[in-house]
N, C-alpha and C. Protein backbone atom coordinates (compact mmCIF):
# COMPACT_ATOMS: atom_id res chain seq x y z
N UNK A 1 122.22 -60.83 -110.97
CA UNK A 1 122.53 -59.55 -111.55
C UNK A 1 123.92 -59.66 -112.18
N UNK A 2 124.04 -59.27 -113.44
CA UNK A 2 125.33 -59.32 -114.12
C UNK A 2 126.13 -58.08 -113.79
N UNK A 3 127.38 -58.12 -114.20
CA UNK A 3 128.28 -57.00 -113.91
C UNK A 3 127.78 -55.72 -114.55
N UNK A 4 127.20 -55.82 -115.75
CA UNK A 4 126.73 -54.61 -116.42
C UNK A 4 125.47 -54.05 -115.76
N UNK A 5 124.76 -54.88 -114.98
CA UNK A 5 123.55 -54.42 -114.32
C UNK A 5 123.80 -53.90 -112.91
N UNK A 6 125.01 -54.09 -112.38
CA UNK A 6 125.33 -53.62 -111.04
C UNK A 6 125.29 -52.10 -110.98
N UNK A 7 124.74 -51.55 -109.92
CA UNK A 7 124.77 -50.10 -109.78
C UNK A 7 126.21 -49.64 -109.53
N UNK A 8 126.55 -48.45 -109.98
CA UNK A 8 127.92 -47.98 -109.76
C UNK A 8 128.20 -47.81 -108.27
N UNK A 9 129.39 -48.20 -107.87
CA UNK A 9 129.78 -48.08 -106.47
C UNK A 9 130.66 -46.84 -106.29
N UNK A 10 130.65 -46.31 -105.09
CA UNK A 10 131.52 -45.16 -104.84
C UNK A 10 132.94 -45.66 -104.58
N UNK A 11 133.88 -44.73 -104.50
CA UNK A 11 135.28 -45.08 -104.35
C UNK A 11 135.59 -45.85 -103.08
N UNK A 12 134.94 -45.47 -101.97
CA UNK A 12 135.19 -46.17 -100.71
C UNK A 12 134.73 -47.62 -100.78
N UNK A 13 133.56 -47.84 -101.39
CA UNK A 13 133.04 -49.20 -101.52
C UNK A 13 133.97 -50.05 -102.38
N UNK A 14 134.44 -49.48 -103.47
CA UNK A 14 135.37 -50.23 -104.34
C UNK A 14 136.66 -50.56 -103.61
N UNK A 15 137.18 -49.62 -102.82
CA UNK A 15 138.40 -49.87 -102.05
C UNK A 15 138.18 -51.01 -101.06
N UNK A 16 137.08 -50.98 -100.34
CA UNK A 16 136.81 -52.02 -99.35
C UNK A 16 136.61 -53.38 -100.00
N UNK A 17 135.97 -53.40 -101.17
CA UNK A 17 135.82 -54.65 -101.91
C UNK A 17 137.18 -55.18 -102.36
N UNK A 18 138.06 -54.27 -102.76
CA UNK A 18 139.37 -54.67 -103.26
C UNK A 18 140.21 -55.32 -102.15
N UNK A 19 140.19 -54.75 -100.95
CA UNK A 19 141.04 -55.29 -99.88
C UNK A 19 140.37 -56.42 -99.09
N UNK A 20 139.10 -56.70 -99.38
CA UNK A 20 138.43 -57.82 -98.71
C UNK A 20 139.12 -59.12 -99.12
N UNK A 21 139.61 -59.86 -98.15
CA UNK A 21 140.31 -61.13 -98.36
C UNK A 21 141.54 -60.99 -99.25
N UNK A 22 142.11 -59.83 -99.31
CA UNK A 22 143.33 -59.61 -100.12
C UNK A 22 144.28 -58.74 -99.31
N UNK A 23 145.50 -59.19 -99.18
CA UNK A 23 146.51 -58.41 -98.47
C UNK A 23 147.07 -57.32 -99.36
N UNK A 24 146.95 -56.10 -98.92
CA UNK A 24 147.53 -54.96 -99.63
C UNK A 24 148.13 -54.02 -98.59
N UNK A 25 149.36 -53.55 -98.80
CA UNK A 25 149.97 -52.67 -97.81
C UNK A 25 149.47 -51.23 -97.92
N UNK A 26 149.39 -50.56 -96.78
CA UNK A 26 149.08 -49.13 -96.78
C UNK A 26 150.24 -48.41 -97.45
N UNK A 27 149.98 -47.52 -98.40
CA UNK A 27 151.08 -46.85 -99.09
C UNK A 27 151.87 -45.90 -98.17
N UNK A 28 151.29 -45.53 -97.02
CA UNK A 28 151.98 -44.62 -96.12
C UNK A 28 152.84 -45.38 -95.09
N UNK A 29 152.24 -46.36 -94.42
CA UNK A 29 152.95 -47.02 -93.32
C UNK A 29 153.25 -48.50 -93.56
N UNK A 30 152.64 -49.11 -94.58
CA UNK A 30 152.89 -50.51 -94.89
C UNK A 30 151.99 -51.49 -94.15
N UNK A 31 151.08 -51.00 -93.35
CA UNK A 31 150.16 -51.86 -92.60
C UNK A 31 149.33 -52.70 -93.57
N UNK A 32 149.11 -53.98 -93.24
CA UNK A 32 148.31 -54.86 -94.10
C UNK A 32 146.84 -54.47 -93.98
N UNK A 33 146.24 -54.12 -95.10
CA UNK A 33 144.87 -53.60 -95.14
C UNK A 33 143.82 -54.69 -95.39
N UNK A 34 144.18 -55.94 -95.25
CA UNK A 34 143.23 -57.04 -95.47
C UNK A 34 141.99 -56.85 -94.59
N UNK A 35 140.80 -57.01 -95.21
CA UNK A 35 139.50 -56.90 -94.53
C UNK A 35 139.34 -55.56 -93.81
N UNK A 36 139.77 -54.52 -94.43
CA UNK A 36 139.67 -53.16 -93.88
C UNK A 36 138.20 -52.78 -93.68
N UNK A 37 137.80 -52.29 -92.50
CA UNK A 37 136.39 -51.93 -92.28
C UNK A 37 136.02 -50.54 -92.80
N UNK A 38 136.98 -49.63 -92.86
CA UNK A 38 136.72 -48.27 -93.35
C UNK A 38 137.82 -47.89 -94.34
N UNK A 39 137.64 -46.76 -95.02
CA UNK A 39 138.63 -46.34 -96.01
C UNK A 39 139.75 -45.52 -95.39
N UNK A 40 140.03 -45.76 -94.12
CA UNK A 40 141.13 -45.11 -93.40
C UNK A 40 142.03 -46.20 -92.83
N UNK A 41 143.33 -46.02 -92.94
CA UNK A 41 144.27 -46.99 -92.38
C UNK A 41 144.17 -46.96 -90.86
N UNK A 42 143.95 -48.13 -90.22
CA UNK A 42 143.84 -48.14 -88.75
C UNK A 42 145.18 -47.85 -88.06
N UNK A 43 146.28 -48.03 -88.75
CA UNK A 43 147.60 -47.82 -88.14
C UNK A 43 148.02 -46.35 -88.17
N UNK A 44 148.02 -45.70 -89.35
CA UNK A 44 148.51 -44.33 -89.48
C UNK A 44 147.39 -43.30 -89.64
N UNK A 45 146.15 -43.75 -89.77
CA UNK A 45 144.96 -42.89 -89.89
C UNK A 45 144.92 -42.08 -91.18
N UNK A 46 145.63 -42.50 -92.20
CA UNK A 46 145.58 -41.83 -93.50
C UNK A 46 144.34 -42.28 -94.27
N UNK A 47 143.70 -41.32 -94.94
CA UNK A 47 142.57 -41.66 -95.81
C UNK A 47 143.12 -42.38 -97.04
N UNK A 48 142.46 -43.42 -97.44
CA UNK A 48 142.92 -44.26 -98.56
C UNK A 48 141.97 -44.12 -99.74
N UNK A 49 142.50 -44.34 -100.93
CA UNK A 49 141.67 -44.34 -102.12
C UNK A 49 142.21 -45.38 -103.09
N UNK A 50 141.34 -45.89 -103.91
CA UNK A 50 141.71 -46.85 -104.93
C UNK A 50 141.91 -46.08 -106.22
N UNK A 51 143.10 -46.18 -106.81
CA UNK A 51 143.42 -45.43 -108.02
C UNK A 51 144.06 -46.34 -109.06
N UNK A 52 144.11 -45.83 -110.26
CA UNK A 52 144.80 -46.51 -111.35
C UNK A 52 146.03 -45.67 -111.67
N UNK A 53 147.16 -46.30 -111.80
CA UNK A 53 148.39 -45.57 -112.11
C UNK A 53 149.30 -46.42 -112.98
N UNK A 54 150.36 -45.82 -113.42
CA UNK A 54 151.34 -46.56 -114.21
C UNK A 54 152.35 -47.18 -113.26
N UNK A 55 152.94 -48.27 -113.69
CA UNK A 55 153.89 -48.96 -112.83
C UNK A 55 155.18 -48.15 -112.68
N UNK A 56 155.60 -47.50 -113.76
CA UNK A 56 156.87 -46.79 -113.71
C UNK A 56 156.78 -45.56 -114.62
N UNK A 57 156.83 -44.37 -114.03
CA UNK A 57 156.88 -43.16 -114.83
C UNK A 57 158.28 -42.99 -115.38
N UNK A 58 158.37 -42.52 -116.60
CA UNK A 58 159.67 -42.31 -117.24
C UNK A 58 160.00 -40.82 -117.22
N UNK A 59 160.89 -40.44 -116.32
CA UNK A 59 161.27 -39.04 -116.16
C UNK A 59 162.56 -38.68 -116.90
N UNK A 60 163.17 -39.63 -117.59
CA UNK A 60 164.47 -39.40 -118.22
C UNK A 60 164.52 -38.20 -119.13
N UNK A 61 163.61 -38.13 -120.11
CA UNK A 61 163.64 -37.02 -121.06
C UNK A 61 163.23 -35.71 -120.40
N UNK A 62 162.39 -35.78 -119.39
CA UNK A 62 162.04 -34.57 -118.65
C UNK A 62 163.28 -34.00 -117.97
N UNK A 63 164.04 -34.86 -117.31
CA UNK A 63 165.27 -34.39 -116.66
C UNK A 63 166.27 -33.84 -117.66
N UNK A 64 166.44 -34.53 -118.78
CA UNK A 64 167.37 -34.05 -119.80
C UNK A 64 166.92 -32.70 -120.34
N UNK A 65 165.63 -32.47 -120.44
CA UNK A 65 165.10 -31.20 -120.93
C UNK A 65 165.25 -30.09 -119.90
N UNK A 66 165.10 -30.42 -118.64
CA UNK A 66 165.12 -29.42 -117.57
C UNK A 66 166.56 -28.99 -117.20
N UNK A 67 167.52 -29.85 -117.35
CA UNK A 67 168.88 -29.58 -116.87
C UNK A 67 169.47 -28.27 -117.40
N UNK A 68 169.48 -27.99 -118.71
CA UNK A 68 170.12 -26.74 -119.13
C UNK A 68 169.41 -25.49 -118.61
N UNK A 69 168.10 -25.52 -118.54
CA UNK A 69 167.36 -24.37 -118.03
C UNK A 69 167.57 -24.17 -116.54
N UNK A 70 167.63 -25.26 -115.80
CA UNK A 70 167.88 -25.15 -114.36
C UNK A 70 169.27 -24.59 -114.11
N UNK A 71 170.24 -25.08 -114.86
CA UNK A 71 171.61 -24.56 -114.72
C UNK A 71 171.65 -23.08 -115.08
N UNK A 72 171.01 -22.69 -116.16
CA UNK A 72 171.00 -21.28 -116.58
C UNK A 72 170.31 -20.40 -115.55
N UNK A 73 169.23 -20.89 -114.98
CA UNK A 73 168.52 -20.11 -113.96
C UNK A 73 169.35 -19.89 -112.72
N UNK A 74 170.01 -20.93 -112.25
CA UNK A 74 170.88 -20.80 -111.06
C UNK A 74 172.05 -19.88 -111.38
N UNK A 75 172.64 -20.04 -112.57
CA UNK A 75 173.76 -19.17 -112.95
C UNK A 75 173.31 -17.72 -113.05
N UNK A 76 172.10 -17.49 -113.52
CA UNK A 76 171.58 -16.11 -113.62
C UNK A 76 171.45 -15.47 -112.25
N UNK A 77 170.96 -16.23 -111.28
CA UNK A 77 170.84 -15.71 -109.92
C UNK A 77 172.23 -15.37 -109.37
N UNK A 78 173.18 -16.27 -109.57
CA UNK A 78 174.53 -16.02 -109.06
C UNK A 78 175.23 -14.88 -109.80
N UNK A 79 174.98 -14.74 -111.11
CA UNK A 79 175.60 -13.67 -111.88
C UNK A 79 175.03 -12.30 -111.51
N UNK A 80 173.81 -12.28 -111.05
CA UNK A 80 173.19 -11.01 -110.68
C UNK A 80 173.92 -10.33 -109.51
N UNK A 81 174.53 -11.11 -108.64
CA UNK A 81 175.23 -10.55 -107.48
C UNK A 81 176.43 -9.70 -107.93
N UNK A 82 177.39 -10.24 -108.70
CA UNK A 82 178.50 -9.37 -109.11
C UNK A 82 178.07 -8.26 -110.08
N UNK A 83 177.06 -8.51 -110.90
CA UNK A 83 176.60 -7.46 -111.81
C UNK A 83 176.04 -6.27 -111.04
N UNK A 84 175.27 -6.56 -110.01
CA UNK A 84 174.71 -5.50 -109.20
C UNK A 84 175.83 -4.74 -108.45
N UNK A 85 176.79 -5.47 -107.92
CA UNK A 85 177.91 -4.83 -107.24
C UNK A 85 178.70 -3.95 -108.22
N UNK A 86 178.95 -4.48 -109.41
CA UNK A 86 179.67 -3.71 -110.42
C UNK A 86 178.89 -2.46 -110.81
N UNK A 87 177.60 -2.57 -110.92
CA UNK A 87 176.75 -1.44 -111.27
C UNK A 87 176.84 -0.33 -110.22
N UNK A 88 176.82 -0.72 -108.95
CA UNK A 88 176.88 0.28 -107.88
C UNK A 88 178.29 0.89 -107.76
N UNK A 89 179.31 0.09 -108.02
CA UNK A 89 180.68 0.59 -107.88
C UNK A 89 181.14 1.40 -109.08
N UNK A 90 180.80 0.97 -110.27
CA UNK A 90 181.28 1.60 -111.49
C UNK A 90 180.26 2.51 -112.16
N UNK A 91 179.00 2.36 -111.82
CA UNK A 91 177.99 3.21 -112.42
C UNK A 91 177.29 2.59 -113.61
N UNK A 92 177.96 1.76 -114.36
CA UNK A 92 177.34 1.03 -115.47
C UNK A 92 178.14 -0.23 -115.73
N UNK A 93 177.48 -1.20 -116.31
CA UNK A 93 178.12 -2.48 -116.62
C UNK A 93 177.96 -2.74 -118.11
N UNK A 94 178.90 -3.49 -118.70
CA UNK A 94 178.77 -3.82 -120.13
C UNK A 94 177.48 -4.59 -120.40
N UNK A 95 177.00 -4.50 -121.65
CA UNK A 95 175.73 -5.12 -121.99
C UNK A 95 175.81 -6.64 -122.08
N UNK A 96 176.99 -7.19 -122.38
CA UNK A 96 177.09 -8.64 -122.58
C UNK A 96 176.69 -9.45 -121.33
N UNK A 97 177.23 -9.12 -120.15
CA UNK A 97 176.81 -9.93 -118.99
C UNK A 97 175.33 -9.75 -118.65
N UNK A 98 174.79 -8.56 -118.92
CA UNK A 98 173.36 -8.35 -118.67
C UNK A 98 172.51 -9.20 -119.61
N UNK A 99 172.94 -9.33 -120.86
CA UNK A 99 172.18 -10.16 -121.80
C UNK A 99 172.27 -11.64 -121.42
N UNK A 100 173.45 -12.04 -120.95
CA UNK A 100 173.59 -13.43 -120.50
C UNK A 100 172.69 -13.67 -119.30
N UNK A 101 172.66 -12.72 -118.38
CA UNK A 101 171.83 -12.85 -117.20
C UNK A 101 170.34 -12.90 -117.56
N UNK A 102 169.94 -12.05 -118.50
CA UNK A 102 168.54 -12.04 -118.94
C UNK A 102 168.17 -13.38 -119.57
N UNK A 103 169.06 -13.94 -120.39
CA UNK A 103 168.80 -15.25 -120.97
C UNK A 103 168.64 -16.30 -119.88
N UNK A 104 169.50 -16.24 -118.86
CA UNK A 104 169.41 -17.21 -117.77
C UNK A 104 168.11 -17.13 -117.01
N UNK A 105 167.65 -15.88 -116.76
CA UNK A 105 166.37 -15.71 -116.07
C UNK A 105 165.21 -16.25 -116.91
N UNK A 106 165.21 -15.96 -118.21
CA UNK A 106 164.15 -16.48 -119.09
C UNK A 106 164.20 -18.00 -119.17
N UNK A 107 165.40 -18.53 -119.26
CA UNK A 107 165.56 -19.97 -119.33
C UNK A 107 165.09 -20.64 -118.04
N UNK A 108 165.44 -20.05 -116.91
CA UNK A 108 164.99 -20.59 -115.62
C UNK A 108 163.48 -20.53 -115.49
N UNK A 109 162.90 -19.42 -115.95
CA UNK A 109 161.44 -19.28 -115.91
C UNK A 109 160.77 -20.33 -116.80
N UNK A 110 161.31 -20.54 -117.99
CA UNK A 110 160.76 -21.56 -118.88
C UNK A 110 160.87 -22.95 -118.25
N UNK A 111 161.94 -23.19 -117.52
CA UNK A 111 162.11 -24.48 -116.84
C UNK A 111 161.07 -24.65 -115.74
N UNK A 112 160.79 -23.57 -115.00
CA UNK A 112 159.76 -23.66 -113.96
C UNK A 112 158.39 -23.94 -114.58
N UNK A 113 158.11 -23.35 -115.73
CA UNK A 113 156.84 -23.63 -116.42
C UNK A 113 156.78 -25.09 -116.85
N UNK A 114 157.90 -25.61 -117.36
CA UNK A 114 157.95 -27.01 -117.77
C UNK A 114 157.74 -27.93 -116.58
N UNK A 115 158.35 -27.61 -115.46
CA UNK A 115 158.16 -28.43 -114.26
C UNK A 115 156.71 -28.36 -113.79
N UNK A 116 156.11 -27.19 -113.89
CA UNK A 116 154.70 -27.03 -113.50
C UNK A 116 153.78 -27.90 -114.36
N UNK A 117 154.07 -27.97 -115.64
CA UNK A 117 153.24 -28.75 -116.57
C UNK A 117 153.93 -30.06 -116.96
N UNK A 118 154.65 -30.66 -116.03
CA UNK A 118 155.42 -31.88 -116.30
C UNK A 118 154.56 -33.05 -116.75
N UNK A 119 153.34 -33.15 -116.24
CA UNK A 119 152.51 -34.29 -116.62
C UNK A 119 152.06 -34.20 -118.07
N UNK A 120 151.85 -32.99 -118.56
CA UNK A 120 151.55 -32.82 -119.98
C UNK A 120 152.75 -33.25 -120.81
N UNK A 121 153.95 -32.91 -120.35
CA UNK A 121 155.18 -33.34 -121.04
C UNK A 121 155.29 -34.87 -121.01
N UNK A 122 155.03 -35.47 -119.85
CA UNK A 122 155.17 -36.92 -119.71
C UNK A 122 154.12 -37.69 -120.50
N UNK A 123 152.98 -37.07 -120.80
CA UNK A 123 151.95 -37.74 -121.61
C UNK A 123 152.34 -37.81 -123.09
N UNK A 124 153.30 -37.00 -123.50
CA UNK A 124 153.72 -37.02 -124.91
C UNK A 124 154.50 -38.30 -125.20
N UNK A 125 154.50 -38.73 -126.46
CA UNK A 125 155.30 -39.90 -126.82
C UNK A 125 156.79 -39.64 -126.57
N UNK A 126 157.53 -40.70 -126.37
CA UNK A 126 158.97 -40.58 -126.11
C UNK A 126 159.69 -39.80 -127.21
N UNK A 127 159.27 -39.98 -128.46
CA UNK A 127 159.92 -39.27 -129.56
C UNK A 127 159.72 -37.76 -129.44
N UNK A 128 158.53 -37.34 -129.04
CA UNK A 128 158.26 -35.90 -128.86
C UNK A 128 159.06 -35.36 -127.68
N UNK A 129 159.16 -36.13 -126.61
CA UNK A 129 159.95 -35.70 -125.46
C UNK A 129 161.42 -35.53 -125.87
N UNK A 130 161.91 -36.44 -126.68
CA UNK A 130 163.30 -36.36 -127.15
C UNK A 130 163.52 -35.10 -127.98
N UNK A 131 162.54 -34.74 -128.82
CA UNK A 131 162.64 -33.53 -129.63
C UNK A 131 162.72 -32.29 -128.73
N UNK A 132 161.88 -32.24 -127.69
CA UNK A 132 161.92 -31.12 -126.75
C UNK A 132 163.29 -31.03 -126.08
N UNK A 133 163.83 -32.17 -125.68
CA UNK A 133 165.14 -32.18 -125.02
C UNK A 133 166.23 -31.68 -125.96
N UNK A 134 166.22 -32.15 -127.20
CA UNK A 134 167.23 -31.71 -128.17
C UNK A 134 167.09 -30.22 -128.44
N UNK A 135 165.86 -29.73 -128.55
CA UNK A 135 165.64 -28.30 -128.78
C UNK A 135 166.15 -27.46 -127.61
N UNK A 136 165.89 -27.91 -126.38
CA UNK A 136 166.35 -27.16 -125.20
C UNK A 136 167.87 -27.08 -125.18
N UNK A 137 168.53 -28.20 -125.44
CA UNK A 137 169.99 -28.19 -125.46
C UNK A 137 170.52 -27.37 -126.62
N UNK A 138 169.89 -27.47 -127.79
CA UNK A 138 170.36 -26.71 -128.95
C UNK A 138 170.24 -25.20 -128.70
N UNK A 139 169.15 -24.77 -128.10
CA UNK A 139 168.98 -23.36 -127.79
C UNK A 139 170.06 -22.89 -126.82
N UNK A 140 170.36 -23.67 -125.81
CA UNK A 140 171.36 -23.26 -124.83
C UNK A 140 172.78 -23.28 -125.41
N UNK A 141 173.08 -24.26 -126.24
CA UNK A 141 174.41 -24.29 -126.88
C UNK A 141 174.55 -23.13 -127.85
N UNK A 142 173.50 -22.84 -128.62
CA UNK A 142 173.54 -21.71 -129.55
C UNK A 142 173.68 -20.38 -128.80
N UNK A 143 172.97 -20.24 -127.68
CA UNK A 143 173.09 -19.01 -126.88
C UNK A 143 174.49 -18.87 -126.32
N UNK A 144 175.06 -19.96 -125.85
CA UNK A 144 176.43 -19.90 -125.34
C UNK A 144 177.41 -19.50 -126.45
N UNK A 145 177.25 -20.08 -127.62
CA UNK A 145 178.12 -19.73 -128.76
C UNK A 145 177.95 -18.26 -129.13
N UNK A 146 176.72 -17.77 -129.13
CA UNK A 146 176.48 -16.37 -129.46
C UNK A 146 177.10 -15.44 -128.41
N UNK A 147 176.97 -15.78 -127.15
CA UNK A 147 177.54 -14.94 -126.10
C UNK A 147 179.07 -14.96 -126.15
N UNK A 148 179.65 -16.11 -126.43
CA UNK A 148 181.11 -16.18 -126.55
C UNK A 148 181.60 -15.39 -127.76
N UNK A 149 180.88 -15.49 -128.87
CA UNK A 149 181.26 -14.73 -130.07
C UNK A 149 181.12 -13.23 -129.81
N UNK A 150 180.06 -12.83 -129.12
CA UNK A 150 179.88 -11.42 -128.80
C UNK A 150 180.99 -10.91 -127.89
N UNK A 151 181.37 -11.72 -126.93
CA UNK A 151 182.44 -11.29 -126.02
C UNK A 151 183.78 -11.25 -126.75
N UNK A 152 183.97 -12.10 -127.72
CA UNK A 152 185.24 -12.17 -128.42
C UNK A 152 185.36 -11.07 -129.47
N UNK A 153 184.29 -10.84 -130.23
CA UNK A 153 184.38 -9.95 -131.39
C UNK A 153 183.87 -8.53 -131.14
N UNK A 154 182.95 -8.36 -130.18
CA UNK A 154 182.37 -7.03 -129.95
C UNK A 154 183.03 -6.36 -128.75
N UNK A 155 183.18 -5.04 -128.82
CA UNK A 155 183.82 -4.33 -127.69
C UNK A 155 182.93 -4.27 -126.47
């Protein structure tokens, strides 16, 4: 029977065939899985599966893209504390810090969405990831410049 005529095997069978006469460490505990009788590690009792993956994921552009939004989100949370105190003590607060805070919350939310869909981001070519990173930084730098100009020129 040739390879093309073989019936398809299930995942457990393929895993057991792979480790038959081949030393492979358990990804959880490092136990040598050579001649494994079942698809469970005998040492740590973790269920095992045979998968295909990349040797090294490249998270660089994802991190560069996430940094300004994460910073803005954390700053928005921290800015909300004095804004709320000022609101209760003075009765109203200027619009500029509220707009900065709103931008931070939106930016943080967008960052959480990006982290949620990180694998879609990582599937994009490096050039596209770089464009997303540059756009994220450009938006944050432009927002900072706009907020500084508003604080400087507007009452």
